Protein backbone atom coordinates (compact mmCIF):
# COMPACT_ATOMS: atom_id res chain seq x y z
CA MET A 1 -0.11 0.09 0.06
CA ASP A 2 1.43 3.55 -0.48
CA MET A 3 0.91 6.25 1.97
CA PHE A 4 -2.10 7.74 0.12
CA HIS A 5 -3.90 5.15 0.52
CA ILE A 6 -3.13 4.83 3.95
CA VAL A 7 -3.96 8.41 4.90
CA SER A 8 -7.25 7.79 2.90
CA GLU A 9 -8.14 4.61 4.59
CA ASP A 10 -7.62 6.58 7.90
CA ARG A 11 -9.96 9.76 7.45
CA ILE A 12 -12.71 7.48 6.56
CA LYS A 13 -12.34 5.37 9.51
CA LYS A 14 -11.93 8.46 11.46
CA ALA A 15 -15.35 10.21 9.64
CA TYR A 16 -17.07 6.85 10.50
CA LYS A 17 -16.66 7.10 13.95
CA ASP A 18 -17.31 10.29 14.24
CA GLY A 19 -20.44 9.90 12.46
CA GLU A 20 -20.20 11.83 9.59
CA PHE A 21 -21.67 9.49 7.44
CA ASP A 22 -24.94 9.16 9.47
CA ASN A 23 -27.02 11.83 7.78
CA LEU A 24 -25.94 11.36 4.19
CA PRO A 25 -28.83 10.80 1.65
CA GLY A 26 -29.87 7.19 1.12
CA TYR A 27 -27.83 5.96 4.37
CA GLY A 28 -29.08 2.53 5.53
CA LYS A 29 -31.13 1.88 1.85
CA LEU A 30 -30.01 -0.37 -0.63
CA LEU A 31 -27.94 0.97 -3.52
CA LYS A 32 -29.69 1.05 -7.26
CA LEU A 33 -27.01 -0.57 -9.37
CA GLU A 34 -27.51 -0.53 -12.91
CA ASP A 35 -26.77 -3.65 -15.00
CA LEU A 36 -24.15 -2.84 -17.55
CA SER A 37 -23.45 -6.28 -18.30
CA GLY A 38 -24.42 -5.92 -22.02
CA ILE A 39 -21.97 -2.77 -22.60
CA PRO A 40 -18.25 -4.22 -23.25
CA GLU A 41 -16.12 -2.99 -20.37
CA GLU A 42 -13.99 -0.40 -22.16
CA LEU A 43 -17.02 1.22 -23.27
CA ARG A 44 -18.76 1.51 -19.95
CA MET A 45 -17.54 4.66 -18.38
CA ALA A 46 -18.35 6.37 -21.91
CA TYR A 47 -21.91 5.27 -21.59
CA LYS A 48 -22.22 6.44 -18.02
CA ILE A 49 -20.93 9.69 -18.82
CA MET A 50 -23.03 9.64 -21.55
CA LYS A 51 -25.91 8.67 -19.46
CA ASN A 52 -25.78 11.29 -16.72
CA ALA A 53 -25.57 13.99 -19.47
CA GLY A 54 -28.79 13.18 -20.39
CA PHE A 55 -28.10 11.46 -23.85
CA SER A 56 -30.57 8.26 -24.74
CA GLU A 57 -30.44 5.58 -27.03
CA GLU A 58 -33.44 6.79 -28.67
CA GLU A 59 -32.31 10.18 -29.21
CA ASN A 60 -29.19 8.26 -30.85
CA HIS A 61 -31.65 6.10 -32.97
CA LEU A 62 -33.39 9.07 -33.86
CA ARG A 63 -30.07 10.94 -35.26
CA LYS A 64 -29.53 8.41 -37.63
CA GLU A 65 -32.76 7.95 -38.47
CA MET A 66 -33.21 11.37 -39.48
CA MET A 67 -29.06 10.96 -41.40
CA THR A 68 -30.87 7.97 -43.53
CA ILE A 69 -33.83 9.55 -44.45
CA GLU A 70 -31.28 13.12 -45.24
CA ASP A 71 -29.18 10.77 -47.64
CA LEU A 72 -32.16 8.96 -48.93
CA ILE A 73 -33.91 12.68 -50.22
CA LYS A 74 -30.48 13.76 -51.29
CA LYS A 75 -30.27 11.23 -54.02
CA CYS A 76 -33.78 10.63 -54.91
CA ASP A 77 -35.27 11.31 -58.42
CA ASP A 78 -38.57 10.95 -57.94
CA SER A 79 -40.40 14.06 -56.58
CA GLY A 80 -43.53 11.85 -55.14
CA LYS A 81 -40.84 10.02 -53.11
CA LYS A 82 -39.04 12.80 -52.20
CA GLU A 83 -42.09 14.58 -50.48
CA ASP A 84 -42.95 11.57 -48.59
CA LEU A 85 -39.23 10.77 -47.29
CA GLN A 86 -39.38 14.55 -46.50
CA LYS A 87 -42.63 14.09 -44.39
CA LYS A 88 -41.09 11.17 -42.38
CA LEU A 89 -37.80 13.43 -41.87
CA ASN A 90 -40.20 15.97 -40.39
CA GLU A 91 -41.70 13.48 -38.24
CA LYS A 92 -38.45 12.38 -36.94
CA LEU A 93 -37.31 16.08 -36.38
CA LEU A 94 -39.99 16.69 -34.40
CA ARG A 95 -40.08 13.61 -31.93
CA PHE A 96 -36.10 14.61 -31.45
CA ASN A 97 -37.42 18.33 -30.62
CA GLN A 98 -39.49 17.03 -28.27
CA LEU A 99 -36.86 14.54 -26.61
CA MET A 100 -34.30 17.52 -26.40
CA SER A 101 -36.69 20.03 -25.05
CA LYS A 102 -38.03 17.23 -22.42
CA ARG A 103 -34.32 16.82 -21.49
CA GLY A 104 -34.06 20.86 -20.96
CA ALA A 105 -31.75 21.35 -24.31
CA LYS A 106 -32.70 23.87 -26.79
CA THR A 107 -32.56 22.75 -30.62
CA ASN A 108 -32.34 24.98 -33.28
CA SER A 109 -32.40 22.52 -35.99
CA SER A 110 -35.77 23.25 -37.86
CA ILE A 111 -33.96 26.61 -38.66
CA PHE A 112 -30.89 24.82 -39.60
CA LYS A 113 -33.01 22.45 -42.01
CA ASN A 114 -34.88 25.45 -43.26
CA TYR A 115 -31.69 27.24 -43.95
CA GLU A 116 -29.78 23.82 -45.64
CA GLN A 117 -32.99 23.18 -48.03
CA LYS A 118 -32.74 26.87 -49.06
CA VAL A 119 -28.91 26.75 -49.77
CA GLU A 120 -29.40 23.45 -51.69
CA LYS A 121 -32.26 24.84 -53.92
CA ARG A 122 -30.07 28.03 -54.46
CA PHE A 123 -27.16 25.68 -55.78
CA LYS A 124 -29.53 23.38 -57.84
């Protein structure tokens, strides 16, 4: 054992004897442990950081779907299919903005999407 480990252990034992841990929230209750067995060990810390920051799997899934739909719109030549894809994209964007507003994050994605479309129309 190194010196820092010994000193910290001594301080923890002293604080415990002095009753400094008695009034902590959750004292005497079971810990709520997450099951992270499905996440590779080297990714668990990143997962916890993202989760604590409010990032959700649904948000990630919506981002991927929106990117896919955007790519399809760019490559689509049929105007009817393009309109359908744009409707799907708008639905996904609406859902994404709802998730962000629940989290308290401000999004300007609809403004940027409209701007992007205007720029693309100008260059065509």
